[in-house]
């Protein structure tokens, strides 16, 4: 059985998917991009501002599912430019001061809404 997690504190999905799905003790969060949940538009600025917004969006979804950063067991970061790796990594690291989750980082040719970064997470809630 699965439970759909949805919150107005994170951007609405831009396609036929859920913000997150809770199933068998795991929370599977769809990738978040740098959309402001109030305006549904990409935040202004570069990869720094985008990364902060992505993490805020993830936090809103986690909160709706009664989870925190400590519950995350796996993340995947998608970047359109691997030169942004150090910047994103520095901001990301502040969310995981100890016991960070497993992670993959992949360069892609493009992301929705022409953003620079997308991050998806999986959390263990059981």
N, C-alpha and C. Protein backbone atom coordinates (compact mmCIF):
# COMPACT_ATOMS: atom_id res chain seq x y z
N UNK A 1 0.84 -1.18 0.00
CA UNK A 1 0.00 0.00 0.00
C UNK A 1 0.89 1.24 0.00
N UNK A 2 0.49 2.23 -0.76
CA UNK A 2 1.26 3.46 -0.79
C UNK A 2 0.39 4.64 -0.38
N UNK A 3 1.06 5.66 0.16
CA UNK A 3 0.39 6.88 0.56
C UNK A 3 1.06 8.04 -0.15
N UNK A 4 0.27 8.87 -0.81
CA UNK A 4 0.80 10.03 -1.52
C UNK A 4 1.01 11.17 -0.52
N UNK A 5 2.17 11.80 -0.60
CA UNK A 5 2.50 12.94 0.25
C UNK A 5 2.46 14.18 -0.64
N UNK A 6 1.71 15.19 -0.23
CA UNK A 6 1.61 16.43 -0.99
C UNK A 6 1.52 17.61 -0.03
N UNK A 7 2.19 18.70 -0.39
CA UNK A 7 2.17 19.91 0.43
C UNK A 7 2.22 21.14 -0.46
N UNK A 8 1.51 22.17 -0.05
CA UNK A 8 1.56 23.46 -0.74
C UNK A 8 2.85 24.21 -0.43
N UNK A 9 3.62 23.74 0.55
CA UNK A 9 4.87 24.39 0.93
C UNK A 9 6.02 24.03 -0.02
N UNK A 10 5.75 23.14 -0.97
CA UNK A 10 6.72 22.79 -2.01
C UNK A 10 6.02 23.00 -3.36
N UNK A 11 6.79 23.16 -4.42
CA UNK A 11 6.17 23.39 -5.74
C UNK A 11 5.27 22.25 -6.16
N UNK A 12 4.24 22.60 -6.90
CA UNK A 12 3.37 21.58 -7.48
C UNK A 12 4.16 20.79 -8.52
N UNK A 13 3.87 19.52 -8.68
CA UNK A 13 4.54 18.74 -9.72
C UNK A 13 4.31 19.36 -11.10
N UNK A 14 5.33 19.31 -11.96
CA UNK A 14 5.21 19.85 -13.31
C UNK A 14 4.86 18.74 -14.32
N UNK A 15 4.43 17.61 -13.80
CA UNK A 15 4.04 16.48 -14.65
C UNK A 15 3.20 15.51 -13.86
N UNK A 16 2.93 14.34 -14.44
CA UNK A 16 2.09 13.34 -13.77
C UNK A 16 2.88 12.51 -12.74
N UNK A 17 3.22 13.14 -11.64
CA UNK A 17 3.92 12.45 -10.55
C UNK A 17 3.57 13.11 -9.23
N UNK A 18 3.87 12.43 -8.15
CA UNK A 18 3.62 12.94 -6.79
C UNK A 18 4.88 13.57 -6.24
N UNK A 19 4.71 14.50 -5.31
CA UNK A 19 5.88 15.08 -4.64
C UNK A 19 6.65 13.99 -3.90
N UNK A 20 5.92 13.08 -3.29
CA UNK A 20 6.55 11.96 -2.59
C UNK A 20 5.53 10.85 -2.40
N UNK A 21 6.05 9.64 -2.22
CA UNK A 21 5.22 8.47 -1.97
C UNK A 21 5.81 7.73 -0.78
N UNK A 22 4.96 7.42 0.19
CA UNK A 22 5.35 6.64 1.35
C UNK A 22 4.92 5.20 1.12
N UNK A 23 5.87 4.27 1.19
CA UNK A 23 5.57 2.85 0.97
C UNK A 23 6.56 1.98 1.73
N UNK A 24 6.05 1.00 2.45
CA UNK A 24 6.88 0.01 3.14
C UNK A 24 7.99 0.63 3.98
N UNK A 25 7.69 1.70 4.68
CA UNK A 25 8.67 2.31 5.58
C UNK A 25 9.65 3.24 4.90
N UNK A 26 9.47 3.49 3.62
CA UNK A 26 10.35 4.40 2.89
C UNK A 26 9.56 5.54 2.29
N UNK A 27 10.18 6.71 2.27
CA UNK A 27 9.62 7.88 1.62
C UNK A 27 10.45 8.14 0.38
N UNK A 28 9.81 8.02 -0.77
CA UNK A 28 10.46 8.26 -2.05
C UNK A 28 10.05 9.65 -2.53
N UNK A 29 10.99 10.59 -2.49
CA UNK A 29 10.70 11.97 -2.87
C UNK A 29 11.13 12.21 -4.31
N UNK A 30 10.21 12.73 -5.10
CA UNK A 30 10.54 13.10 -6.47
C UNK A 30 11.59 14.21 -6.45
N UNK A 31 12.32 14.30 -7.53
CA UNK A 31 13.33 15.35 -7.64
C UNK A 31 12.72 16.73 -7.50
N UNK A 32 13.38 17.56 -6.74
CA UNK A 32 12.94 18.95 -6.56
C UNK A 32 13.88 19.87 -7.34
N UNK A 33 13.28 20.86 -7.98
CA UNK A 33 14.05 21.88 -8.67
C UNK A 33 13.79 23.21 -7.97
N UNK A 34 14.41 24.27 -8.47
CA UNK A 34 14.41 25.56 -7.78
C UNK A 34 13.18 26.40 -8.10
N UNK A 35 12.00 25.81 -7.89
CA UNK A 35 10.76 26.57 -8.07
C UNK A 35 10.31 27.13 -6.73
N UNK A 36 9.92 28.38 -6.73
CA UNK A 36 9.33 28.99 -5.56
C UNK A 36 7.91 28.42 -5.44
N UNK A 37 7.56 27.80 -4.31
CA UNK A 37 6.24 27.19 -4.19
C UNK A 37 5.08 28.18 -4.26
N UNK A 38 5.33 29.45 -3.96
CA UNK A 38 4.26 30.45 -4.00
C UNK A 38 3.97 30.92 -5.42
N UNK A 39 5.02 31.04 -6.23
CA UNK A 39 4.85 31.58 -7.59
C UNK A 39 4.97 30.52 -8.68
N UNK A 40 5.49 29.34 -8.33
CA UNK A 40 5.74 28.26 -9.29
C UNK A 40 6.72 28.70 -10.39
N UNK A 41 7.58 29.67 -10.08
CA UNK A 41 8.59 30.11 -11.03
C UNK A 41 9.98 29.83 -10.46
N UNK A 42 10.95 29.74 -11.35
CA UNK A 42 12.33 29.48 -10.95
C UNK A 42 12.85 30.70 -10.18
N UNK A 43 13.52 30.43 -9.06
CA UNK A 43 14.10 31.52 -8.27
C UNK A 43 15.18 32.22 -9.08
N UNK A 44 15.32 33.51 -8.84
CA UNK A 44 16.35 34.25 -9.55
C UNK A 44 17.71 33.97 -8.92
N UNK A 45 18.73 34.16 -9.71
CA UNK A 45 20.09 33.91 -9.23
C UNK A 45 20.68 32.69 -9.91
N UNK A 46 21.81 32.29 -9.43
CA UNK A 46 22.53 31.16 -10.01
C UNK A 46 22.36 29.88 -9.23
N UNK A 47 23.34 29.01 -9.36
CA UNK A 47 23.25 27.68 -8.75
C UNK A 47 23.20 27.75 -7.23
N UNK A 48 23.79 28.76 -6.61
CA UNK A 48 23.73 28.89 -5.15
C UNK A 48 22.30 29.10 -4.69
N UNK A 49 21.61 30.07 -5.27
CA UNK A 49 20.24 30.35 -4.91
C UNK A 49 19.33 29.17 -5.25
N UNK A 50 19.60 28.54 -6.39
CA UNK A 50 18.80 27.39 -6.79
C UNK A 50 18.96 26.23 -5.82
N UNK A 51 20.17 25.97 -5.38
CA UNK A 51 20.41 24.86 -4.45
C UNK A 51 19.70 25.11 -3.12
N UNK A 52 19.77 26.32 -2.62
CA UNK A 52 19.07 26.64 -1.37
C UNK A 52 17.56 26.41 -1.53
N UNK A 53 16.99 26.79 -2.67
CA UNK A 53 15.55 26.60 -2.88
C UNK A 53 15.22 25.12 -3.00
N UNK A 54 16.04 24.37 -3.71
CA UNK A 54 15.81 22.92 -3.84
C UNK A 54 15.78 22.28 -2.45
N UNK A 55 16.74 22.62 -1.61
CA UNK A 55 16.79 22.03 -0.27
C UNK A 55 15.60 22.48 0.58
N UNK A 56 15.15 23.71 0.42
CA UNK A 56 13.96 24.17 1.14
C UNK A 56 12.73 23.38 0.69
N UNK A 57 12.64 23.11 -0.60
CA UNK A 57 11.51 22.34 -1.12
C UNK A 57 11.53 20.91 -0.59
N UNK A 58 12.71 20.32 -0.56
CA UNK A 58 12.84 18.96 -0.01
C UNK A 58 12.42 18.95 1.46
N UNK A 59 12.89 19.94 2.20
CA UNK A 59 12.55 20.01 3.62
C UNK A 59 11.05 20.11 3.83
N UNK A 60 10.35 20.84 2.98
CA UNK A 60 8.90 20.98 3.10
C UNK A 60 8.20 19.63 2.88
N UNK A 61 8.68 18.87 1.91
CA UNK A 61 8.10 17.54 1.65
C UNK A 61 8.40 16.60 2.82
N UNK A 62 9.64 16.63 3.30
CA UNK A 62 9.99 15.80 4.45
C UNK A 62 9.11 16.12 5.65
N UNK A 63 8.93 17.41 5.91
CA UNK A 63 8.12 17.84 7.05
C UNK A 63 6.69 17.33 6.94
N UNK A 64 6.13 17.40 5.74
CA UNK A 64 4.76 16.93 5.53
C UNK A 64 4.63 15.45 5.85
N UNK A 65 5.71 14.70 5.64
CA UNK A 65 5.73 13.26 5.92
C UNK A 65 6.24 12.95 7.33
N UNK A 66 6.36 13.98 8.17
CA UNK A 66 6.90 13.82 9.53
C UNK A 66 8.30 13.23 9.53
N UNK A 67 9.11 13.67 8.59
CA UNK A 67 10.51 13.22 8.49
C UNK A 67 11.44 14.43 8.61
N UNK A 68 12.72 14.11 8.76
CA UNK A 68 13.75 15.14 8.82
C UNK A 68 14.93 14.70 7.96
N UNK A 69 15.93 15.55 7.90
CA UNK A 69 17.15 15.23 7.13
C UNK A 69 17.80 13.95 7.66
N UNK A 70 17.65 13.67 8.95
CA UNK A 70 18.25 12.48 9.54
C UNK A 70 17.64 11.18 9.00
N UNK A 71 16.44 11.25 8.44
CA UNK A 71 15.79 10.06 7.90
C UNK A 71 16.29 9.69 6.49
N UNK A 72 16.97 10.60 5.84
CA UNK A 72 17.38 10.38 4.44
C UNK A 72 18.50 9.35 4.38
N UNK A 73 18.30 8.35 3.52
CA UNK A 73 19.30 7.29 3.35
C UNK A 73 20.00 7.34 2.00
N UNK A 74 19.40 8.03 1.02
CA UNK A 74 19.99 8.10 -0.33
C UNK A 74 19.56 9.38 -1.01
N UNK A 75 20.49 10.02 -1.69
CA UNK A 75 20.17 11.19 -2.49
C UNK A 75 20.78 11.03 -3.88
N UNK A 76 20.19 11.69 -4.82
CA UNK A 76 20.76 11.80 -6.16
C UNK A 76 20.70 13.26 -6.56
N UNK A 77 21.85 13.78 -6.97
CA UNK A 77 21.95 15.17 -7.42
C UNK A 77 22.17 15.16 -8.93
N UNK A 78 21.38 15.95 -9.62
CA UNK A 78 21.53 16.11 -11.06
C UNK A 78 22.00 17.54 -11.32
N UNK A 79 23.10 17.67 -12.04
CA UNK A 79 23.66 18.98 -12.38
C UNK A 79 23.77 19.12 -13.89
N UNK A 80 23.50 20.31 -14.38
CA UNK A 80 23.70 20.54 -15.82
C UNK A 80 25.15 20.92 -16.11
N UNK A 81 25.91 21.25 -15.07
CA UNK A 81 27.31 21.61 -15.25
C UNK A 81 28.10 21.08 -14.04
N UNK A 82 28.97 20.13 -14.27
CA UNK A 82 29.74 19.55 -13.17
C UNK A 82 30.67 20.57 -12.52
N UNK A 83 30.90 21.69 -13.17
CA UNK A 83 31.69 22.76 -12.56
C UNK A 83 30.97 23.34 -11.33
N UNK A 84 29.67 23.10 -11.21
CA UNK A 84 28.90 23.56 -10.06
C UNK A 84 28.97 22.59 -8.87
N UNK A 85 29.67 21.48 -9.03
CA UNK A 85 29.72 20.44 -8.01
C UNK A 85 30.17 20.99 -6.65
N UNK A 86 31.26 21.73 -6.61
CA UNK A 86 31.80 22.21 -5.33
C UNK A 86 30.82 23.15 -4.64
N UNK A 87 30.18 24.03 -5.39
CA UNK A 87 29.21 24.96 -4.81
C UNK A 87 28.02 24.21 -4.22
N UNK A 88 27.45 23.31 -5.00
CA UNK A 88 26.30 22.53 -4.53
C UNK A 88 26.70 21.67 -3.33
N UNK A 89 27.86 21.05 -3.41
CA UNK A 89 28.34 20.18 -2.33
C UNK A 89 28.49 20.95 -1.02
N UNK A 90 29.00 22.16 -1.08
CA UNK A 90 29.19 22.96 0.13
C UNK A 90 27.85 23.28 0.79
N UNK A 91 26.85 23.64 0.01
CA UNK A 91 25.52 23.96 0.54
C UNK A 91 24.85 22.69 1.06
N UNK A 92 24.92 21.62 0.28
CA UNK A 92 24.32 20.32 0.62
C UNK A 92 24.90 19.80 1.93
N UNK A 93 26.21 19.93 2.11
CA UNK A 93 26.90 19.39 3.29
C UNK A 93 26.35 19.97 4.60
N UNK A 94 25.84 21.18 4.55
CA UNK A 94 25.32 21.82 5.77
C UNK A 94 24.07 21.12 6.29
N UNK A 95 23.39 20.36 5.45
CA UNK A 95 22.20 19.61 5.88
C UNK A 95 22.57 18.27 6.52
N UNK A 96 23.79 17.82 6.29
CA UNK A 96 24.22 16.50 6.77
C UNK A 96 25.54 16.63 7.50
N UNK A 97 25.51 17.20 8.70
CA UNK A 97 26.75 17.42 9.46
C UNK A 97 27.36 16.12 9.97
N UNK A 98 26.53 15.09 10.16
CA UNK A 98 27.07 13.78 10.57
C UNK A 98 26.22 12.69 9.92
N UNK A 99 26.82 11.55 9.73
CA UNK A 99 26.14 10.39 9.14
C UNK A 99 25.39 10.73 7.85
N UNK A 100 26.10 11.26 6.85
CA UNK A 100 25.42 11.62 5.60
C UNK A 100 24.90 10.37 4.87
N UNK A 101 23.88 10.57 4.04
CA UNK A 101 23.32 9.44 3.30
C UNK A 101 24.23 9.03 2.15
N UNK A 102 23.93 7.89 1.56
CA UNK A 102 24.58 7.51 0.32
C UNK A 102 24.16 8.53 -0.74
N UNK A 103 25.00 8.74 -1.77
CA UNK A 103 24.69 9.78 -2.74
C UNK A 103 25.32 9.49 -4.09
N UNK A 104 24.62 9.91 -5.12
CA UNK A 104 25.15 9.92 -6.47
C UNK A 104 25.01 11.33 -7.00
N UNK A 105 25.96 11.74 -7.83
CA UNK A 105 25.86 13.03 -8.51
C UNK A 105 26.11 12.77 -9.99
N UNK A 106 25.20 13.27 -10.82
CA UNK A 106 25.24 12.98 -12.24
C UNK A 106 25.10 14.28 -13.03
N UNK A 107 25.92 14.43 -14.06
CA UNK A 107 25.73 15.57 -14.97
C UNK A 107 24.74 15.16 -16.05
N UNK A 108 23.79 16.05 -16.32
CA UNK A 108 22.77 15.81 -17.34
C UNK A 108 22.80 16.96 -18.34
N UNK A 109 22.24 16.74 -19.51
CA UNK A 109 22.28 17.78 -20.54
C UNK A 109 21.29 18.91 -20.26
N UNK A 110 20.19 18.61 -19.60
CA UNK A 110 19.19 19.64 -19.29
C UNK A 110 18.29 19.14 -18.18
N UNK A 111 17.63 20.10 -17.50
CA UNK A 111 16.67 19.80 -16.45
C UNK A 111 15.40 20.59 -16.70
N UNK A 112 14.28 20.18 -16.11
CA UNK A 112 13.03 20.92 -16.29
C UNK A 112 13.18 22.39 -15.93
N UNK A 113 12.50 23.23 -16.68
CA UNK A 113 12.49 24.68 -16.45
C UNK A 113 13.89 25.30 -16.61
N UNK A 114 14.80 24.57 -17.24
CA UNK A 114 16.17 25.04 -17.48
C UNK A 114 16.93 25.40 -16.21
N UNK A 115 16.66 24.68 -15.12
CA UNK A 115 17.38 24.91 -13.87
C UNK A 115 18.75 24.23 -13.95
N UNK A 116 19.59 24.56 -12.99
CA UNK A 116 20.95 24.02 -12.95
C UNK A 116 21.10 22.78 -12.08
N UNK A 117 20.16 22.59 -11.14
CA UNK A 117 20.29 21.51 -10.16
C UNK A 117 18.92 20.91 -9.83
N UNK A 118 18.89 19.61 -9.65
CA UNK A 118 17.72 18.88 -9.16
C UNK A 118 18.23 17.85 -8.18
N UNK A 119 17.49 17.67 -7.08
CA UNK A 119 17.89 16.68 -6.08
C UNK A 119 16.67 15.83 -5.71
N UNK A 120 16.86 14.52 -5.68
CA UNK A 120 15.82 13.61 -5.19
C UNK A 120 16.37 12.89 -3.97
N UNK A 121 15.48 12.50 -3.07
CA UNK A 121 15.90 11.82 -1.85
C UNK A 121 14.99 10.63 -1.55
N UNK A 122 15.56 9.68 -0.82
CA UNK A 122 14.81 8.56 -0.28
C UNK A 122 15.08 8.54 1.22
N UNK A 123 14.02 8.44 2.00
CA UNK A 123 14.16 8.46 3.45
C UNK A 123 13.57 7.17 4.03
N UNK A 124 14.12 6.73 5.15
CA UNK A 124 13.61 5.58 5.88
C UNK A 124 12.83 6.11 7.08
N UNK A 125 11.55 5.78 7.11
CA UNK A 125 10.69 6.31 8.17
C UNK A 125 10.32 5.27 9.20
N UNK A 126 10.73 4.05 8.98
CA UNK A 126 10.36 2.97 9.90
C UNK A 126 11.41 2.65 10.89
